[in-house]
Amino acid sequence: MHALTEITDIPGGVAVTVLLWDHSDLDELLSLARLQVRIGEPEVDVMEHTGRHSGAGHLGHCPIIHNGTTVHFKPLIDGVRFEVRALPGRDLTALRRDTRHRAAKLPRFLER
């Protein structure tokens, strides 16, 4: 799946928008988005991080940060938009910084 990831600030958090190059991947992306929203502890003991919930959140590769946040998504015509908002006590500046840091390691990243 080839996509462009865009990061923007929103009130109380950050938006992570994933736009697909090939719309035929939309069903797979929506399935992964639903998983991100309900993510909790890893489902398996394997520490490999594949983006398919096979690793732990502390590995720090995915720009969707779950620790101290709420995560929701909205389907788009050509992708999804995640809204990650800080819970009380969560450092909003750190959330935004860490999200951008993680996204910058992705193959296609755009910051606005």
N, C-alpha and C. Protein backbone atom coordinates (compact mmCIF):
# COMPACT_ATOMS: atom_id res chain seq x y z
N MET A 1 0.86 -1.17 0.00
CA MET A 1 0.00 0.00 0.00
C MET A 1 0.90 1.23 0.00
N HIS A 2 0.71 2.09 -0.97
CA HIS A 2 1.48 3.34 -1.05
C HIS A 2 0.56 4.49 -0.68
N ALA A 3 1.04 5.34 0.23
CA ALA A 3 0.21 6.43 0.72
C ALA A 3 1.06 7.63 1.08
N LEU A 4 0.41 8.76 1.16
CA LEU A 4 1.00 10.00 1.63
C LEU A 4 0.42 10.26 3.00
N THR A 5 1.25 10.53 3.99
CA THR A 5 0.79 10.83 5.34
C THR A 5 1.00 12.32 5.60
N GLU A 6 -0.07 12.99 6.01
CA GLU A 6 -0.04 14.42 6.27
C GLU A 6 -0.40 14.66 7.73
N ILE A 7 0.36 15.52 8.40
CA ILE A 7 0.14 15.84 9.81
C ILE A 7 -0.28 17.30 9.93
N THR A 8 -1.37 17.54 10.65
CA THR A 8 -1.82 18.90 10.93
C THR A 8 -2.28 18.98 12.40
N ASP A 9 -2.10 20.15 12.98
CA ASP A 9 -2.60 20.36 14.34
C ASP A 9 -4.10 20.60 14.29
N ILE A 10 -4.79 20.08 15.29
CA ILE A 10 -6.22 20.32 15.49
C ILE A 10 -6.39 20.72 16.95
N PRO A 11 -7.52 21.31 17.32
CA PRO A 11 -7.72 21.67 18.73
C PRO A 11 -7.55 20.45 19.64
N GLY A 12 -6.63 20.56 20.57
CA GLY A 12 -6.41 19.50 21.55
C GLY A 12 -5.64 18.30 21.05
N GLY A 13 -5.10 18.37 19.83
CA GLY A 13 -4.38 17.20 19.33
C GLY A 13 -3.78 17.39 17.97
N VAL A 14 -3.81 16.31 17.20
CA VAL A 14 -3.18 16.29 15.89
C VAL A 14 -4.01 15.41 14.97
N ALA A 15 -4.07 15.79 13.69
CA ALA A 15 -4.73 14.97 12.68
C ALA A 15 -3.65 14.28 11.86
N VAL A 16 -3.85 13.00 11.62
CA VAL A 16 -2.96 12.21 10.77
C VAL A 16 -3.82 11.75 9.59
N THR A 17 -3.57 12.34 8.44
CA THR A 17 -4.34 12.02 7.24
C THR A 17 -3.51 11.12 6.34
N VAL A 18 -4.09 9.99 5.97
CA VAL A 18 -3.43 9.02 5.11
C VAL A 18 -4.17 9.01 3.78
N LEU A 19 -3.48 9.43 2.72
CA LEU A 19 -4.07 9.50 1.39
C LEU A 19 -3.43 8.44 0.50
N LEU A 20 -4.25 7.65 -0.14
CA LEU A 20 -3.77 6.53 -0.94
C LEU A 20 -3.43 6.95 -2.36
N TRP A 21 -2.41 6.30 -2.92
CA TRP A 21 -2.09 6.47 -4.33
C TRP A 21 -3.05 5.64 -5.18
N ASP A 22 -3.42 4.47 -4.66
CA ASP A 22 -4.28 3.53 -5.40
C ASP A 22 -5.54 3.29 -4.59
N HIS A 23 -6.68 3.73 -5.11
CA HIS A 23 -7.94 3.62 -4.38
C HIS A 23 -8.36 2.17 -4.14
N SER A 24 -7.77 1.23 -4.85
CA SER A 24 -8.13 -0.17 -4.62
C SER A 24 -7.66 -0.66 -3.25
N ASP A 25 -6.80 0.11 -2.58
CA ASP A 25 -6.33 -0.24 -1.24
C ASP A 25 -7.22 0.31 -0.13
N LEU A 26 -8.30 1.00 -0.50
CA LEU A 26 -9.12 1.68 0.51
C LEU A 26 -9.74 0.73 1.53
N ASP A 27 -10.24 -0.43 1.10
CA ASP A 27 -10.83 -1.38 2.05
C ASP A 27 -9.81 -1.84 3.09
N GLU A 28 -8.59 -2.11 2.64
CA GLU A 28 -7.53 -2.53 3.58
C GLU A 28 -7.21 -1.39 4.55
N LEU A 29 -7.11 -0.17 4.05
CA LEU A 29 -6.82 0.98 4.91
C LEU A 29 -7.92 1.19 5.94
N LEU A 30 -9.17 1.07 5.52
CA LEU A 30 -10.29 1.23 6.47
C LEU A 30 -10.26 0.15 7.54
N SER A 31 -9.91 -1.06 7.17
CA SER A 31 -9.78 -2.14 8.14
C SER A 31 -8.69 -1.84 9.16
N LEU A 32 -7.56 -1.34 8.69
CA LEU A 32 -6.47 -0.97 9.59
C LEU A 32 -6.86 0.22 10.46
N ALA A 33 -7.63 1.15 9.92
CA ALA A 33 -8.08 2.31 10.70
C ALA A 33 -9.00 1.88 11.83
N ARG A 34 -9.92 0.96 11.54
CA ARG A 34 -10.81 0.46 12.60
C ARG A 34 -9.99 -0.22 13.70
N LEU A 35 -8.96 -0.93 13.33
CA LEU A 35 -8.08 -1.57 14.30
C LEU A 35 -7.37 -0.53 15.16
N GLN A 36 -6.90 0.54 14.55
CA GLN A 36 -6.21 1.60 15.30
C GLN A 36 -7.12 2.20 16.37
N VAL A 37 -8.39 2.35 16.05
CA VAL A 37 -9.33 2.96 17.00
C VAL A 37 -9.58 2.07 18.20
N ARG A 38 -9.56 0.76 18.01
CA ARG A 38 -9.86 -0.13 19.14
C ARG A 38 -8.60 -0.77 19.74
N ILE A 39 -7.45 -0.32 19.31
CA ILE A 39 -6.18 -0.92 19.74
C ILE A 39 -6.03 -0.85 21.27
N GLY A 40 -5.41 -1.83 21.80
CA GLY A 40 -5.11 -1.88 23.24
C GLY A 40 -3.78 -2.57 23.40
N GLU A 41 -3.74 -3.58 24.21
CA GLU A 41 -2.53 -4.37 24.37
C GLU A 41 -2.31 -5.22 23.13
N PRO A 42 -1.07 -5.54 22.80
CA PRO A 42 -0.81 -6.39 21.64
C PRO A 42 -1.55 -7.72 21.75
N GLU A 43 -2.02 -8.23 20.62
CA GLU A 43 -2.76 -9.47 20.61
C GLU A 43 -1.86 -10.70 20.68
N VAL A 44 -0.59 -10.50 20.40
CA VAL A 44 0.37 -11.60 20.43
C VAL A 44 1.62 -11.15 21.15
N ASP A 45 2.46 -12.11 21.52
CA ASP A 45 3.70 -11.78 22.22
C ASP A 45 4.84 -11.43 21.28
N VAL A 46 4.63 -11.52 20.00
CA VAL A 46 5.68 -11.21 19.03
C VAL A 46 5.93 -9.71 19.03
N MET A 47 7.18 -9.28 19.07
CA MET A 47 7.49 -7.87 19.15
C MET A 47 7.81 -7.26 17.78
N GLU A 48 7.43 -7.93 16.70
CA GLU A 48 7.61 -7.38 15.36
C GLU A 48 6.52 -6.33 15.13
N HIS A 49 6.90 -5.16 14.63
CA HIS A 49 5.93 -4.11 14.37
C HIS A 49 5.66 -4.05 12.87
N THR A 50 4.48 -4.46 12.46
CA THR A 50 4.14 -4.50 11.04
C THR A 50 3.04 -3.53 10.68
N GLY A 51 2.45 -2.85 11.66
CA GLY A 51 1.30 -2.01 11.41
C GLY A 51 0.00 -2.80 11.41
N ARG A 52 0.09 -4.07 11.70
CA ARG A 52 -1.10 -4.94 11.74
C ARG A 52 -1.35 -5.44 13.16
N HIS A 53 -0.98 -4.65 14.15
CA HIS A 53 -1.20 -4.95 15.57
C HIS A 53 -0.40 -6.17 16.03
N SER A 54 0.79 -6.35 15.46
CA SER A 54 1.62 -7.47 15.89
C SER A 54 2.73 -7.02 16.83
N GLY A 55 2.81 -5.74 17.10
CA GLY A 55 3.84 -5.24 18.00
C GLY A 55 3.22 -4.37 19.07
N ALA A 56 4.05 -3.93 19.98
CA ALA A 56 3.56 -3.09 21.08
C ALA A 56 3.68 -1.62 20.72
N GLY A 57 2.81 -0.80 21.29
CA GLY A 57 2.81 0.62 21.00
C GLY A 57 4.08 1.34 21.41
N HIS A 58 4.82 0.79 22.36
CA HIS A 58 6.03 1.47 22.81
C HIS A 58 7.17 1.38 21.81
N LEU A 59 7.00 0.61 20.73
CA LEU A 59 8.06 0.51 19.73
C LEU A 59 8.23 1.83 18.99
N GLY A 60 7.18 2.60 18.89
CA GLY A 60 7.31 3.97 18.42
C GLY A 60 7.48 4.19 16.93
N HIS A 61 6.88 3.37 16.08
CA HIS A 61 7.00 3.58 14.64
C HIS A 61 5.77 4.22 14.04
N CYS A 62 4.61 3.89 14.53
CA CYS A 62 3.36 4.39 13.98
C CYS A 62 3.12 5.81 14.47
N PRO A 63 2.69 6.73 13.59
CA PRO A 63 2.42 8.09 14.05
C PRO A 63 1.13 8.22 14.86
N ILE A 64 0.32 7.16 14.94
CA ILE A 64 -0.88 7.19 15.77
C ILE A 64 -0.46 6.81 17.18
N ILE A 65 -0.45 7.78 18.08
CA ILE A 65 0.00 7.57 19.45
C ILE A 65 -1.22 7.33 20.33
N HIS A 66 -1.24 6.20 21.02
CA HIS A 66 -2.38 5.81 21.84
C HIS A 66 -2.23 6.16 23.31
N ASN A 67 -1.02 6.26 23.79
CA ASN A 67 -0.77 6.50 25.21
C ASN A 67 -1.23 7.91 25.59
N GLY A 68 -2.26 7.99 26.43
CA GLY A 68 -2.76 9.28 26.90
C GLY A 68 -3.57 10.04 25.87
N THR A 69 -4.18 9.32 24.94
CA THR A 69 -4.95 9.98 23.88
C THR A 69 -6.27 9.26 23.63
N THR A 70 -7.13 9.92 22.88
CA THR A 70 -8.27 9.27 22.26
C THR A 70 -8.00 9.29 20.76
N VAL A 71 -8.44 8.24 20.07
CA VAL A 71 -8.21 8.14 18.63
C VAL A 71 -9.53 7.85 17.93
N HIS A 72 -9.85 8.66 16.94
CA HIS A 72 -11.02 8.47 16.10
C HIS A 72 -10.57 8.64 14.66
N PHE A 73 -11.36 8.11 13.73
CA PHE A 73 -11.03 8.34 12.32
C PHE A 73 -12.28 8.62 11.52
N LYS A 74 -12.06 9.30 10.40
CA LYS A 74 -13.12 9.61 9.45
C LYS A 74 -12.67 9.09 8.09
N PRO A 75 -13.50 8.29 7.43
CA PRO A 75 -13.15 7.85 6.08
C PRO A 75 -13.18 9.04 5.12
N LEU A 76 -12.27 9.02 4.17
CA LEU A 76 -12.23 10.01 3.10
C LEU A 76 -12.40 9.28 1.77
N ILE A 77 -12.63 9.99 0.72
CA ILE A 77 -12.77 9.36 -0.60
C ILE A 77 -11.49 8.62 -0.99
N ASP A 78 -10.35 9.19 -0.62
CA ASP A 78 -9.07 8.61 -1.03
C ASP A 78 -8.17 8.24 0.16
N GLY A 79 -8.77 8.00 1.34
CA GLY A 79 -7.97 7.64 2.50
C GLY A 79 -8.74 7.76 3.80
N VAL A 80 -8.03 8.10 4.87
CA VAL A 80 -8.65 8.29 6.18
C VAL A 80 -7.97 9.45 6.89
N ARG A 81 -8.71 10.04 7.82
CA ARG A 81 -8.16 11.10 8.68
C ARG A 81 -8.36 10.66 10.12
N PHE A 82 -7.25 10.45 10.80
CA PHE A 82 -7.28 10.13 12.23
C PHE A 82 -7.24 11.43 13.01
N GLU A 83 -7.99 11.48 14.09
CA GLU A 83 -7.92 12.61 15.01
C GLU A 83 -7.47 12.05 16.36
N VAL A 84 -6.28 12.46 16.75
CA VAL A 84 -5.66 11.99 17.99
C VAL A 84 -5.66 13.18 18.95
N ARG A 85 -6.43 13.06 20.03
CA ARG A 85 -6.54 14.16 20.98
C ARG A 85 -5.96 13.75 22.33
N ALA A 86 -5.26 14.69 22.94
CA ALA A 86 -4.63 14.45 24.24
C ALA A 86 -5.68 14.39 25.34
N LEU A 87 -5.53 13.40 26.22
CA LEU A 87 -6.35 13.32 27.42
C LEU A 87 -5.79 14.28 28.46
N PRO A 88 -6.59 14.65 29.47
CA PRO A 88 -6.05 15.52 30.53
C PRO A 88 -4.77 14.92 31.12
N GLY A 89 -3.77 15.78 31.29
CA GLY A 89 -2.49 15.34 31.83
C GLY A 89 -1.48 14.95 30.75
N ARG A 90 -1.93 14.76 29.53
CA ARG A 90 -1.03 14.41 28.42
C ARG A 90 -0.44 15.69 27.85
N ASP A 91 0.85 15.73 27.65
CA ASP A 91 1.55 16.89 27.13
C ASP A 91 1.22 17.05 25.64
N LEU A 92 0.41 18.05 25.30
CA LEU A 92 -0.02 18.27 23.93
C LEU A 92 1.17 18.60 23.02
N THR A 93 2.09 19.40 23.48
CA THR A 93 3.26 19.74 22.68
C THR A 93 4.07 18.50 22.35
N ALA A 94 4.25 17.62 23.31
CA ALA A 94 4.99 16.38 23.09
C ALA A 94 4.24 15.46 22.13
N LEU A 95 2.92 15.39 22.26
CA LEU A 95 2.12 14.57 21.35
C LEU A 95 2.32 15.03 19.91
N ARG A 96 2.23 16.32 19.68
CA ARG A 96 2.40 16.86 18.33
C ARG A 96 3.82 16.62 17.81
N ARG A 97 4.80 16.86 18.66
CA ARG A 97 6.20 16.66 18.27
C ARG A 97 6.47 15.20 17.95
N ASP A 98 6.03 14.30 18.83
CA ASP A 98 6.31 12.87 18.64
C ASP A 98 5.58 12.31 17.42
N THR A 99 4.37 12.80 17.17
CA THR A 99 3.63 12.36 15.98
C THR A 99 4.40 12.74 14.73
N ARG A 100 4.87 13.97 14.67
CA ARG A 100 5.64 14.42 13.50
C ARG A 100 6.96 13.66 13.37
N HIS A 101 7.60 13.41 14.49
CA HIS A 101 8.87 12.67 14.47
C HIS A 101 8.66 11.27 13.89
N ARG A 102 7.61 10.59 14.34
CA ARG A 102 7.33 9.25 13.83
C ARG A 102 6.93 9.29 12.36
N ALA A 103 6.08 10.25 11.99
CA ALA A 103 5.63 10.34 10.60
C ALA A 103 6.78 10.67 9.65
N ALA A 104 7.74 11.44 10.13
CA ALA A 104 8.88 11.81 9.27
C ALA A 104 9.69 10.59 8.84
N LYS A 105 9.56 9.49 9.55
CA LYS A 105 10.29 8.27 9.20
C LYS A 105 9.54 7.42 8.17
N LEU A 106 8.31 7.82 7.87
CA LEU A 106 7.53 7.09 6.87
C LEU A 106 8.03 7.44 5.47
N PRO A 107 7.80 6.54 4.50
CA PRO A 107 8.29 6.81 3.14
C PRO A 107 7.71 8.07 2.51
N ARG A 108 6.45 8.42 2.77
CA ARG A 108 5.83 9.61 2.19
C ARG A 108 5.18 10.41 3.31
N PHE A 109 5.72 11.59 3.60
CA PHE A 109 5.23 12.40 4.71
C PHE A 109 5.18 13.86 4.28
N LEU A 110 4.11 14.54 4.66
CA LEU A 110 3.94 15.96 4.36
C LEU A 110 3.46 16.65 5.63
N GLU A 111 4.08 17.75 6.00
CA GLU A 111 3.66 18.51 7.18
C GLU A 111 3.07 19.82 6.73
N ARG A 112 1.94 20.17 7.34
CA ARG A 112 1.32 21.48 7.07
C ARG A 112 1.16 22.22 8.36
